[in-house]
């Protein structure tokens, strides 16, 4: 069974956990872009609580295909995002093990949001030793059967739907002693804090 999802920026744990209940993730690369979604934002845990990282995109009066969404590079957002990530996770046990794989994407200018997100997702899969071949594009998946879980993993609680396949498992978080454990952050929170144990935690999060 394959699952259809929209492409997120540094996806949350729930999103990545779908690989443990499905064979592949089929990314919808032909949809229209939805504002105020995880397509251009993620949440990490900082010293003062959760931080939303938002990739700025050029606005439009009409909805555009997701692959046509341009990043607004007039601000130094890549540097700001990477500094936030370093500040949040620089002292975690596994930051140095994985940061060098992600950092080059924050020093290379991207024009299209989809390209940036997709390159990040492929690196995340490599870090988790899943292999980028587990990601399929909808435009290249003619004849592939899938179930849709699109728009059900959402930053706004009112738009979320119950997910019987996802049962968040607590793990070590750098600042949990200050404000408690925060569920379903970006996958980089789990990777930087737990390293190779991330796979087990992802798998456990799919078991009732």
N, C-alpha and C. Protein backbone atom coordinates (compact mmCIF):
# COMPACT_ATOMS: atom_id res chain seq x y z
N UNK A 1 0.85 -1.19 0.00
CA UNK A 1 0.00 0.00 0.00
C UNK A 1 0.89 1.25 0.00
N UNK A 2 0.55 2.21 -0.82
CA UNK A 2 1.25 3.49 -0.88
C UNK A 2 0.33 4.57 -0.31
N UNK A 3 0.95 5.68 0.15
CA UNK A 3 0.15 6.76 0.71
C UNK A 3 0.46 8.06 -0.02
N UNK A 4 -0.57 8.80 -0.36
CA UNK A 4 -0.42 10.08 -1.06
C UNK A 4 -0.39 11.21 -0.04
N UNK A 5 0.67 12.03 -0.12
CA UNK A 5 0.83 13.17 0.77
C UNK A 5 1.29 14.38 -0.03
N UNK A 6 0.98 15.55 0.47
CA UNK A 6 1.57 16.76 -0.08
C UNK A 6 3.02 16.87 0.43
N UNK A 7 3.83 17.66 -0.24
CA UNK A 7 5.23 17.79 0.15
C UNK A 7 5.37 18.87 1.22
N UNK A 8 5.95 18.49 2.36
CA UNK A 8 6.15 19.41 3.47
C UNK A 8 7.59 19.89 3.56
N UNK A 9 7.77 21.00 4.27
CA UNK A 9 9.10 21.51 4.60
C UNK A 9 9.55 20.86 5.90
N UNK A 10 10.68 20.13 5.86
CA UNK A 10 11.18 19.40 7.03
C UNK A 10 10.01 18.74 7.77
N UNK A 11 9.40 17.73 7.19
CA UNK A 11 8.14 17.17 7.69
C UNK A 11 8.18 16.76 9.16
N UNK A 12 7.00 16.71 9.75
CA UNK A 12 6.88 16.31 11.15
C UNK A 12 6.99 14.79 11.26
N UNK A 13 7.06 14.33 12.49
CA UNK A 13 7.25 12.90 12.78
C UNK A 13 6.08 12.08 12.25
N UNK A 14 4.88 12.59 12.39
CA UNK A 14 3.69 11.87 11.89
C UNK A 14 3.80 11.59 10.40
N UNK A 15 4.24 12.57 9.64
CA UNK A 15 4.40 12.45 8.20
C UNK A 15 5.39 11.33 7.86
N UNK A 16 6.56 11.37 8.47
CA UNK A 16 7.60 10.38 8.18
C UNK A 16 7.20 8.99 8.65
N UNK A 17 6.42 8.94 9.73
CA UNK A 17 6.01 7.63 10.28
C UNK A 17 5.15 6.84 9.30
N UNK A 18 4.59 7.52 8.30
CA UNK A 18 3.73 6.82 7.34
C UNK A 18 4.49 5.73 6.59
N UNK A 19 5.79 5.84 6.52
CA UNK A 19 6.59 4.82 5.83
C UNK A 19 6.57 3.49 6.56
N UNK A 20 6.14 3.48 7.81
CA UNK A 20 6.13 2.24 8.57
C UNK A 20 4.76 1.57 8.53
N UNK A 21 3.81 2.22 7.89
CA UNK A 21 2.50 1.59 7.68
C UNK A 21 2.19 1.48 6.19
N UNK A 22 3.04 2.08 5.36
CA UNK A 22 2.86 2.05 3.91
C UNK A 22 4.18 1.72 3.23
N UNK A 23 4.08 1.25 2.01
CA UNK A 23 5.29 0.87 1.26
C UNK A 23 6.08 2.08 0.80
N UNK A 24 5.39 3.06 0.24
CA UNK A 24 6.04 4.26 -0.28
C UNK A 24 5.20 5.49 0.03
N UNK A 25 5.88 6.65 0.02
CA UNK A 25 5.18 7.92 0.05
C UNK A 25 5.09 8.44 -1.38
N UNK A 26 3.87 8.70 -1.83
CA UNK A 26 3.65 9.29 -3.15
C UNK A 26 3.41 10.78 -2.93
N UNK A 27 4.32 11.60 -3.41
CA UNK A 27 4.24 13.05 -3.22
C UNK A 27 3.43 13.67 -4.37
N UNK A 28 2.43 14.45 -3.99
CA UNK A 28 1.60 15.11 -4.99
C UNK A 28 2.34 16.33 -5.54
N UNK A 29 2.85 16.19 -6.75
CA UNK A 29 3.57 17.29 -7.39
C UNK A 29 2.73 17.99 -8.44
N UNK A 30 1.44 17.69 -8.50
CA UNK A 30 0.57 18.34 -9.49
C UNK A 30 -0.57 19.12 -8.83
N UNK A 31 -0.60 19.16 -7.51
CA UNK A 31 -1.66 19.87 -6.79
C UNK A 31 -1.48 21.38 -6.87
N UNK A 32 -2.50 22.11 -6.41
CA UNK A 32 -2.40 23.55 -6.24
C UNK A 32 -1.91 23.85 -4.83
N UNK A 33 -1.11 24.89 -4.71
CA UNK A 33 -0.51 25.24 -3.42
C UNK A 33 -1.55 25.72 -2.42
N UNK A 34 -1.43 25.24 -1.19
CA UNK A 34 -2.31 25.65 -0.10
C UNK A 34 -1.52 26.51 0.88
N UNK A 35 -2.01 27.71 1.14
CA UNK A 35 -1.35 28.60 2.09
C UNK A 35 -1.59 28.12 3.53
N UNK A 36 -0.74 28.61 4.45
CA UNK A 36 -0.86 28.33 5.88
C UNK A 36 -0.90 26.84 6.17
N UNK A 37 -0.04 26.11 5.49
CA UNK A 37 0.07 24.67 5.71
C UNK A 37 1.54 24.34 5.95
N UNK A 38 1.82 23.05 6.13
CA UNK A 38 3.20 22.62 6.34
C UNK A 38 4.00 22.61 5.04
N UNK A 39 3.39 23.02 3.94
CA UNK A 39 4.14 23.03 2.68
C UNK A 39 5.32 23.99 2.73
N UNK A 40 5.21 25.05 3.51
CA UNK A 40 6.33 25.98 3.62
C UNK A 40 6.64 26.36 5.07
N UNK A 41 6.32 25.44 5.99
CA UNK A 41 6.66 25.72 7.39
C UNK A 41 6.87 24.42 8.16
N UNK A 42 7.62 24.54 9.24
CA UNK A 42 7.80 23.42 10.16
C UNK A 42 7.94 23.99 11.57
N UNK A 43 7.92 23.12 12.56
CA UNK A 43 8.07 23.55 13.95
C UNK A 43 9.19 22.77 14.60
N UNK A 44 10.11 23.51 15.25
CA UNK A 44 11.19 22.89 15.99
C UNK A 44 11.10 23.33 17.44
N UNK A 45 11.90 22.71 18.32
CA UNK A 45 11.88 23.05 19.74
C UNK A 45 13.11 23.86 20.09
N UNK A 46 12.91 25.11 20.52
CA UNK A 46 14.01 25.98 20.91
C UNK A 46 14.09 26.14 22.41
N UNK A 47 15.05 26.93 22.85
CA UNK A 47 15.27 27.12 24.28
C UNK A 47 14.10 27.82 24.96
N UNK A 48 13.31 28.57 24.18
CA UNK A 48 12.17 29.29 24.74
C UNK A 48 10.83 28.72 24.30
N UNK A 49 10.86 27.50 23.78
CA UNK A 49 9.63 26.85 23.35
C UNK A 49 9.62 26.59 21.85
N UNK A 50 8.51 26.09 21.34
CA UNK A 50 8.41 25.77 19.91
C UNK A 50 8.64 27.00 19.03
N UNK A 51 9.32 26.77 17.90
CA UNK A 51 9.63 27.83 16.94
C UNK A 51 9.09 27.41 15.58
N UNK A 52 8.33 28.27 14.95
CA UNK A 52 7.86 28.03 13.58
C UNK A 52 8.86 28.62 12.60
N UNK A 53 9.35 27.79 11.70
CA UNK A 53 10.22 28.25 10.63
C UNK A 53 9.38 28.28 9.36
N UNK A 54 9.29 29.44 8.73
CA UNK A 54 8.43 29.63 7.56
C UNK A 54 9.27 30.08 6.37
N UNK A 55 9.17 29.32 5.30
CA UNK A 55 9.86 29.69 4.07
C UNK A 55 9.01 30.76 3.36
N UNK A 56 9.55 31.96 3.16
CA UNK A 56 8.74 33.01 2.49
C UNK A 56 8.55 32.70 1.01
N UNK A 57 7.34 32.87 0.55
CA UNK A 57 7.05 32.63 -0.87
C UNK A 57 6.36 33.86 -1.45
N UNK A 58 6.50 34.00 -2.76
CA UNK A 58 5.85 35.13 -3.43
C UNK A 58 4.33 34.91 -3.43
N UNK A 59 3.62 35.95 -3.08
CA UNK A 59 2.16 35.86 -3.00
C UNK A 59 1.55 35.98 -4.40
N UNK A 60 0.34 35.45 -4.51
CA UNK A 60 -0.39 35.52 -5.76
C UNK A 60 -1.88 35.59 -5.46
N UNK A 61 -2.61 36.29 -6.29
CA UNK A 61 -4.05 36.41 -6.10
C UNK A 61 -4.78 35.13 -6.50
N UNK A 62 -4.10 34.29 -7.23
CA UNK A 62 -4.73 33.02 -7.64
C UNK A 62 -3.87 31.86 -7.15
N UNK A 63 -4.51 30.74 -7.00
CA UNK A 63 -3.78 29.55 -6.56
C UNK A 63 -2.95 29.02 -7.71
N UNK A 64 -1.70 28.70 -7.40
CA UNK A 64 -0.77 28.23 -8.41
C UNK A 64 -0.40 26.77 -8.16
N UNK A 65 0.02 26.05 -9.19
CA UNK A 65 0.53 24.70 -8.98
C UNK A 65 1.71 24.73 -8.00
N UNK A 66 1.77 23.74 -7.16
CA UNK A 66 2.80 23.73 -6.11
C UNK A 66 4.20 23.79 -6.70
N UNK A 67 4.41 23.22 -7.87
CA UNK A 67 5.74 23.22 -8.47
C UNK A 67 6.11 24.58 -9.05
N UNK A 68 5.14 25.51 -9.10
CA UNK A 68 5.43 26.85 -9.62
C UNK A 68 5.62 27.89 -8.51
N UNK A 69 5.52 27.46 -7.26
CA UNK A 69 5.63 28.41 -6.16
C UNK A 69 7.08 28.85 -5.99
N UNK A 70 7.31 30.15 -6.12
CA UNK A 70 8.65 30.70 -6.02
C UNK A 70 8.95 31.16 -4.59
N UNK A 71 10.16 30.91 -4.15
CA UNK A 71 10.61 31.38 -2.85
C UNK A 71 10.97 32.86 -2.95
N UNK A 72 10.61 33.62 -1.93
CA UNK A 72 10.99 35.03 -1.86
C UNK A 72 12.36 35.13 -1.19
N UNK A 73 13.37 35.31 -2.00
CA UNK A 73 14.74 35.35 -1.49
C UNK A 73 15.25 36.77 -1.20
N UNK A 74 14.34 37.71 -1.06
CA UNK A 74 14.76 39.07 -0.74
C UNK A 74 15.25 39.19 0.69
N UNK A 75 14.83 38.28 1.55
CA UNK A 75 15.33 38.25 2.92
C UNK A 75 16.32 37.10 3.06
N UNK A 76 17.14 37.16 4.08
CA UNK A 76 18.16 36.13 4.31
C UNK A 76 17.57 34.98 5.13
N UNK A 77 16.44 34.46 4.65
CA UNK A 77 15.69 33.47 5.44
C UNK A 77 16.47 32.18 5.64
N UNK A 78 17.26 31.74 4.66
CA UNK A 78 18.00 30.49 4.81
C UNK A 78 18.99 30.58 5.97
N UNK A 79 19.70 31.68 6.03
CA UNK A 79 20.65 31.89 7.13
C UNK A 79 19.91 31.93 8.46
N UNK A 80 18.78 32.62 8.49
CA UNK A 80 18.00 32.72 9.72
C UNK A 80 17.49 31.34 10.16
N UNK A 81 17.00 30.54 9.23
CA UNK A 81 16.51 29.22 9.57
C UNK A 81 17.64 28.34 10.10
N UNK A 82 18.78 28.38 9.42
CA UNK A 82 19.88 27.52 9.86
C UNK A 82 20.42 27.96 11.23
N UNK A 83 20.45 29.26 11.48
CA UNK A 83 20.88 29.73 12.79
C UNK A 83 19.91 29.29 13.88
N UNK A 84 18.62 29.29 13.56
CA UNK A 84 17.61 28.81 14.52
C UNK A 84 17.79 27.32 14.79
N UNK A 85 18.07 26.56 13.74
CA UNK A 85 18.29 25.12 13.89
C UNK A 85 19.54 24.86 14.72
N UNK A 86 20.62 25.59 14.44
CA UNK A 86 21.87 25.43 15.20
C UNK A 86 21.67 25.81 16.66
N UNK A 87 20.94 26.89 16.89
CA UNK A 87 20.69 27.33 18.27
C UNK A 87 19.86 26.30 19.03
N UNK A 88 18.89 25.70 18.36
CA UNK A 88 18.02 24.73 19.01
C UNK A 88 18.71 23.39 19.24
N UNK A 89 19.55 22.96 18.29
CA UNK A 89 20.06 21.59 18.32
C UNK A 89 21.58 21.46 18.32
N UNK A 90 22.28 22.58 18.35
CA UNK A 90 23.73 22.54 18.27
C UNK A 90 24.40 21.73 19.36
N UNK A 91 23.76 21.62 20.51
CA UNK A 91 24.35 20.89 21.64
C UNK A 91 23.72 19.50 21.83
N UNK A 92 22.87 19.10 20.90
CA UNK A 92 22.28 17.76 21.02
C UNK A 92 23.31 16.70 20.65
N UNK A 93 23.03 15.48 21.05
CA UNK A 93 24.01 14.40 20.92
C UNK A 93 24.38 14.10 19.47
N UNK A 94 23.46 14.33 18.54
CA UNK A 94 23.71 13.88 17.17
C UNK A 94 23.73 15.00 16.14
N UNK A 95 23.81 16.25 16.61
CA UNK A 95 23.81 17.37 15.66
C UNK A 95 24.98 17.27 14.69
N UNK A 96 26.17 17.05 15.21
CA UNK A 96 27.36 17.00 14.35
C UNK A 96 27.33 15.80 13.41
N UNK A 97 26.59 14.75 13.77
CA UNK A 97 26.52 13.57 12.91
C UNK A 97 25.73 13.83 11.63
N UNK A 98 24.75 14.75 11.70
CA UNK A 98 23.84 14.92 10.58
C UNK A 98 23.79 16.33 10.01
N UNK A 99 24.20 17.33 10.77
CA UNK A 99 24.05 18.72 10.33
C UNK A 99 24.76 18.98 9.01
N UNK A 100 25.91 18.37 8.81
CA UNK A 100 26.68 18.63 7.59
C UNK A 100 25.95 18.15 6.34
N UNK A 101 25.00 17.23 6.50
CA UNK A 101 24.23 16.76 5.35
C UNK A 101 23.14 17.77 4.96
N UNK A 102 22.64 18.50 5.94
CA UNK A 102 21.55 19.45 5.71
C UNK A 102 22.03 20.86 5.41
N UNK A 103 23.13 21.26 6.02
CA UNK A 103 23.59 22.65 5.93
C UNK A 103 23.79 23.14 4.49
N UNK A 104 24.33 22.32 3.57
CA UNK A 104 24.54 22.82 2.20
C UNK A 104 23.26 23.34 1.53
N UNK A 105 22.12 22.81 1.92
CA UNK A 105 20.87 23.26 1.31
C UNK A 105 20.48 24.65 1.81
N UNK A 106 21.09 25.07 2.93
CA UNK A 106 20.82 26.39 3.47
C UNK A 106 21.86 27.42 3.03
N UNK A 107 22.80 27.00 2.22
CA UNK A 107 23.78 27.92 1.65
C UNK A 107 23.69 27.94 0.13
N UNK A 108 22.73 27.21 -0.41
CA UNK A 108 22.48 27.18 -1.85
C UNK A 108 21.14 27.85 -2.12
N UNK A 109 21.11 28.84 -2.98
CA UNK A 109 19.86 29.54 -3.25
C UNK A 109 18.94 28.69 -4.11
N UNK A 110 17.72 28.56 -3.66
CA UNK A 110 16.67 27.86 -4.41
C UNK A 110 15.64 28.87 -4.88
N UNK A 111 15.14 28.68 -6.07
CA UNK A 111 14.08 29.55 -6.59
C UNK A 111 12.69 28.97 -6.35
N UNK A 112 12.59 27.63 -6.35
CA UNK A 112 11.29 26.98 -6.22
C UNK A 112 11.17 26.22 -4.91
N UNK A 113 10.06 26.42 -4.22
CA UNK A 113 9.82 25.77 -2.94
C UNK A 113 9.83 24.25 -3.07
N UNK A 114 9.21 23.73 -4.12
CA UNK A 114 9.10 22.29 -4.27
C UNK A 114 10.49 21.65 -4.37
N UNK A 115 11.39 22.27 -5.12
CA UNK A 115 12.74 21.72 -5.27
C UNK A 115 13.47 21.69 -3.94
N UNK A 116 13.35 22.76 -3.19
CA UNK A 116 14.01 22.84 -1.88
C UNK A 116 13.47 21.77 -0.94
N UNK A 117 12.16 21.68 -0.84
CA UNK A 117 11.54 20.70 0.05
C UNK A 117 11.89 19.26 -0.35
N UNK A 118 11.88 19.02 -1.65
CA UNK A 118 12.13 17.66 -2.12
C UNK A 118 13.57 17.24 -1.87
N UNK A 119 14.51 18.14 -2.06
CA UNK A 119 15.91 17.83 -1.76
C UNK A 119 16.11 17.57 -0.26
N UNK A 120 15.45 18.35 0.58
CA UNK A 120 15.52 18.12 2.02
C UNK A 120 14.94 16.76 2.39
N UNK A 121 13.80 16.41 1.80
CA UNK A 121 13.16 15.14 2.12
C UNK A 121 14.06 13.97 1.74
N UNK A 122 14.72 14.06 0.60
CA UNK A 122 15.62 12.98 0.18
C UNK A 122 16.78 12.82 1.15
N UNK A 123 17.29 13.93 1.67
CA UNK A 123 18.38 13.85 2.65
C UNK A 123 17.88 13.23 3.95
N UNK A 124 16.70 13.62 4.39
CA UNK A 124 16.12 13.03 5.61
C UNK A 124 15.98 11.52 5.45
N UNK A 125 15.52 11.08 4.29
CA UNK A 125 15.38 9.64 4.06
C UNK A 125 16.73 8.94 4.10
N UNK A 126 17.76 9.58 3.58
CA UNK A 126 19.10 8.99 3.63
C UNK A 126 19.60 8.90 5.07
N UNK A 127 19.36 9.95 5.84
CA UNK A 127 19.76 9.94 7.25
C UNK A 127 19.09 8.79 7.99
N UNK A 128 17.84 8.55 7.68
CA UNK A 128 17.08 7.47 8.33
C UNK A 128 17.32 6.11 7.67
N UNK A 129 18.23 6.11 6.69
CA UNK A 129 18.60 4.88 5.97
C UNK A 129 17.39 4.22 5.31
N UNK A 130 16.47 5.04 4.83
CA UNK A 130 15.29 4.54 4.13
C UNK A 130 15.53 4.49 2.63
N UNK A 131 16.37 5.39 2.14
CA UNK A 131 16.63 5.41 0.70
C UNK A 131 15.62 6.26 -0.02
N UNK A 132 16.08 7.14 -0.91
CA UNK A 132 15.17 8.05 -1.63
C UNK A 132 14.22 7.33 -2.57
N UNK A 133 14.46 6.05 -2.84
CA UNK A 133 13.57 5.32 -3.74
C UNK A 133 12.21 5.06 -3.09
N UNK A 134 12.09 5.36 -1.78
CA UNK A 134 10.80 5.22 -1.09
C UNK A 134 9.86 6.39 -1.39
N UNK A 135 10.39 7.41 -2.09
CA UNK A 135 9.59 8.58 -2.45
C UNK A 135 9.21 8.48 -3.92
N UNK A 136 7.93 8.57 -4.20
CA UNK A 136 7.43 8.56 -5.58
C UNK A 136 6.72 9.89 -5.86
N UNK A 137 6.82 10.36 -7.07
CA UNK A 137 6.07 11.55 -7.50
C UNK A 137 4.77 11.11 -8.17
N UNK A 138 3.69 11.79 -7.85
CA UNK A 138 2.39 11.43 -8.41
C UNK A 138 2.41 11.50 -9.94
N UNK A 139 3.10 12.49 -10.47
CA UNK A 139 3.14 12.66 -11.93
C UNK A 139 3.84 11.51 -12.63
N UNK A 140 4.63 10.75 -11.88
CA UNK A 140 5.38 9.62 -12.46
C UNK A 140 4.84 8.28 -11.97
N UNK A 141 3.66 8.29 -11.35
CA UNK A 141 3.14 7.07 -10.71
C UNK A 141 1.85 6.58 -11.35
N UNK A 142 1.77 6.66 -12.65
CA UNK A 142 0.59 6.16 -13.36
C UNK A 142 0.39 4.67 -13.08
N UNK A 143 -0.81 4.31 -12.66
CA UNK A 143 -1.09 2.91 -12.39
C UNK A 143 -0.75 2.45 -11.00
N UNK A 144 -0.17 3.35 -10.18
CA UNK A 144 0.19 3.00 -8.81
C UNK A 144 -1.01 3.22 -7.90
N UNK A 145 -1.38 2.22 -7.13
CA UNK A 145 -2.48 2.35 -6.18
C UNK A 145 -1.99 3.05 -4.92
N UNK A 146 -2.84 3.91 -4.35
CA UNK A 146 -2.46 4.59 -3.12
C UNK A 146 -3.72 5.00 -2.36
N UNK A 147 -3.54 5.26 -1.08
CA UNK A 147 -4.58 5.88 -0.28
C UNK A 147 -4.14 7.32 -0.01
N UNK A 148 -5.09 8.21 0.08
CA UNK A 148 -4.74 9.62 0.26
C UNK A 148 -4.80 10.02 1.74
N UNK A 149 -3.74 10.69 2.19
CA UNK A 149 -3.75 11.29 3.52
C UNK A 149 -3.40 12.77 3.39
N UNK A 150 -3.79 13.34 2.25
CA UNK A 150 -3.46 14.73 1.95
C UNK A 150 -4.22 15.69 2.86
N UNK A 151 -3.50 16.75 3.28
CA UNK A 151 -4.07 17.85 4.05
C UNK A 151 -4.62 17.42 5.41
N UNK A 152 -4.18 16.26 5.90
CA UNK A 152 -4.66 15.78 7.20
C UNK A 152 -3.61 15.97 8.30
N UNK A 153 -2.38 16.28 7.88
CA UNK A 153 -1.33 16.67 8.84
C UNK A 153 -1.17 18.16 8.67
N UNK A 154 -1.67 18.92 9.63
CA UNK A 154 -1.82 20.37 9.43
C UNK A 154 -1.37 21.14 10.67
N UNK A 155 -0.77 22.33 10.49
CA UNK A 155 -0.34 23.12 11.65
C UNK A 155 -1.49 23.65 12.49
N UNK A 156 -2.67 23.78 11.88
CA UNK A 156 -3.81 24.28 12.63
C UNK A 156 -4.66 23.11 13.12
N UNK A 157 -4.88 23.08 14.41
CA UNK A 157 -5.57 21.95 15.02
C UNK A 157 -6.95 21.72 14.44
N UNK A 158 -7.65 22.79 14.06
CA UNK A 158 -9.03 22.62 13.57
C UNK A 158 -9.09 21.87 12.25
N UNK A 159 -7.97 21.80 11.54
CA UNK A 159 -7.94 21.10 10.26
C UNK A 159 -7.37 19.69 10.36
N UNK A 160 -6.89 19.30 11.53
CA UNK A 160 -6.33 17.96 11.68
C UNK A 160 -7.45 16.94 11.81
N UNK A 161 -7.12 15.72 11.41
CA UNK A 161 -8.09 14.64 11.53
C UNK A 161 -7.47 13.52 12.34
N UNK A 162 -8.30 12.67 12.97
CA UNK A 162 -7.76 11.55 13.74
C UNK A 162 -6.91 10.64 12.86
N UNK A 163 -5.84 10.12 13.43
CA UNK A 163 -4.94 9.23 12.71
C UNK A 163 -4.72 7.99 13.55
N UNK A 164 -5.44 6.92 13.23
CA UNK A 164 -5.37 5.70 14.02
C UNK A 164 -4.02 4.99 13.91
N UNK A 165 -3.22 5.39 12.93
CA UNK A 165 -1.92 4.75 12.73
C UNK A 165 -0.78 5.48 13.41
N UNK A 166 -1.07 6.59 14.06
CA UNK A 166 0.00 7.38 14.69
C UNK A 166 -0.24 7.51 16.18
N UNK A 167 0.72 7.02 16.97
CA UNK A 167 0.66 7.06 18.43
C UNK A 167 1.98 7.62 18.94
N UNK A 168 2.06 8.95 19.16
CA UNK A 168 3.33 9.59 19.50
C UNK A 168 4.03 8.94 20.70
N UNK A 169 5.30 8.69 20.54
CA UNK A 169 6.13 8.10 21.59
C UNK A 169 7.06 9.18 22.12
N UNK A 170 7.17 9.28 23.42
CA UNK A 170 8.07 10.26 24.03
C UNK A 170 9.52 9.84 23.82
N UNK A 171 10.38 10.81 23.63
CA UNK A 171 11.82 10.58 23.49
C UNK A 171 12.55 11.75 24.13
N UNK A 172 13.84 11.68 24.20
CA UNK A 172 14.61 12.76 24.81
C UNK A 172 14.55 14.01 23.95
N UNK A 173 14.15 15.13 24.56
CA UNK A 173 14.18 16.43 23.90
C UNK A 173 15.06 17.37 24.72
N UNK A 174 15.85 18.15 24.03
CA UNK A 174 16.86 18.97 24.69
C UNK A 174 16.30 19.91 25.76
N UNK A 175 15.13 20.47 25.53
CA UNK A 175 14.60 21.48 26.45
C UNK A 175 13.32 21.02 27.16
N UNK A 176 13.12 19.72 27.22
CA UNK A 176 11.90 19.19 27.85
C UNK A 176 11.82 19.55 29.33
N UNK A 177 12.97 19.72 29.96
CA UNK A 177 12.97 20.07 31.40
C UNK A 177 12.42 21.47 31.63
N UNK A 178 12.38 22.30 30.59
CA UNK A 178 11.90 23.68 30.74
C UNK A 178 10.40 23.81 30.48
N UNK A 179 9.90 23.12 29.46
CA UNK A 179 8.49 23.31 29.10
C UNK A 179 7.79 22.03 28.72
N UNK A 180 8.39 20.88 29.08
CA UNK A 180 7.75 19.60 28.85
C UNK A 180 7.98 19.07 27.45
N UNK A 181 7.54 17.84 27.23
CA UNK A 181 7.70 17.20 25.94
C UNK A 181 6.69 17.75 24.93
N UNK A 182 7.16 18.06 23.74
CA UNK A 182 6.30 18.57 22.67
C UNK A 182 6.18 17.51 21.59
N UNK A 183 4.97 17.11 21.27
CA UNK A 183 4.77 16.03 20.30
C UNK A 183 4.80 16.55 18.86
N UNK A 184 5.19 15.64 17.99
CA UNK A 184 5.05 15.81 16.55
C UNK A 184 5.72 17.06 15.99
N UNK A 185 6.95 17.29 16.44
CA UNK A 185 7.75 18.36 15.86
C UNK A 185 8.36 17.88 14.54
N UNK A 186 9.14 18.75 13.91
CA UNK A 186 9.83 18.35 12.69
C UNK A 186 10.69 17.12 12.96
N UNK A 187 10.86 16.30 11.96
CA UNK A 187 11.66 15.09 12.07
C UNK A 187 13.08 15.39 12.52
N UNK A 188 13.59 16.59 12.25
CA UNK A 188 14.97 16.89 12.67
C UNK A 188 15.09 16.95 14.19
N UNK A 189 13.99 17.24 14.89
CA UNK A 189 14.03 17.22 16.35
C UNK A 189 14.34 15.82 16.84
N UNK A 190 13.68 14.83 16.28
CA UNK A 190 13.90 13.43 16.64
C UNK A 190 15.30 12.98 16.22
N UNK A 191 15.71 13.32 15.02
CA UNK A 191 17.01 12.87 14.50
C UNK A 191 18.16 13.44 15.30
N UNK A 192 18.13 14.74 15.58
CA UNK A 192 19.24 15.35 16.31
C UNK A 192 19.30 14.91 17.76
N UNK A 193 18.16 14.61 18.35
CA UNK A 193 18.13 14.18 19.75
C UNK A 193 18.40 12.70 19.93
N UNK A 194 17.96 11.87 19.00
CA UNK A 194 18.02 10.42 19.22
C UNK A 194 18.91 9.67 18.22
N UNK A 195 19.31 10.29 17.13
CA UNK A 195 20.20 9.61 16.19
C UNK A 195 19.63 8.33 15.65
N UNK A 196 20.40 7.24 15.66
CA UNK A 196 19.93 5.96 15.12
C UNK A 196 18.68 5.42 15.78
N UNK A 197 18.40 5.84 17.01
CA UNK A 197 17.20 5.39 17.71
C UNK A 197 15.94 5.96 17.08
N UNK A 198 16.09 6.96 16.21
CA UNK A 198 14.92 7.57 15.57
C UNK A 198 14.07 6.54 14.84
N UNK A 199 14.72 5.57 14.21
CA UNK A 199 13.98 4.54 13.47
C UNK A 199 13.08 3.76 14.40
N UNK A 200 13.60 3.35 15.54
CA UNK A 200 12.79 2.58 16.50
C UNK A 200 11.61 3.41 16.99
N UNK A 201 11.87 4.68 17.29
CA UNK A 201 10.82 5.53 17.80
C UNK A 201 9.74 5.76 16.75
N UNK A 202 10.15 5.94 15.52
CA UNK A 202 9.18 6.07 14.43
C UNK A 202 8.32 4.82 14.31
N UNK A 203 8.98 3.68 14.37
CA UNK A 203 8.26 2.40 14.26
C UNK A 203 7.30 2.22 15.44
N UNK A 204 7.77 2.55 16.65
CA UNK A 204 6.92 2.41 17.83
C UNK A 204 5.72 3.35 17.77
N UNK A 205 5.89 4.49 17.08
CA UNK A 205 4.81 5.45 16.97
C UNK A 205 3.68 4.97 16.07
N UNK A 206 3.92 3.87 15.38
CA UNK A 206 2.89 3.31 14.50
C UNK A 206 2.24 2.07 15.09
N UNK A 207 2.65 1.71 16.29
CA UNK A 207 2.09 0.53 16.94
C UNK A 207 1.17 0.95 18.08
N UNK A 208 0.01 0.35 18.12
CA UNK A 208 -0.97 0.71 19.16
C UNK A 208 -0.48 0.29 20.54
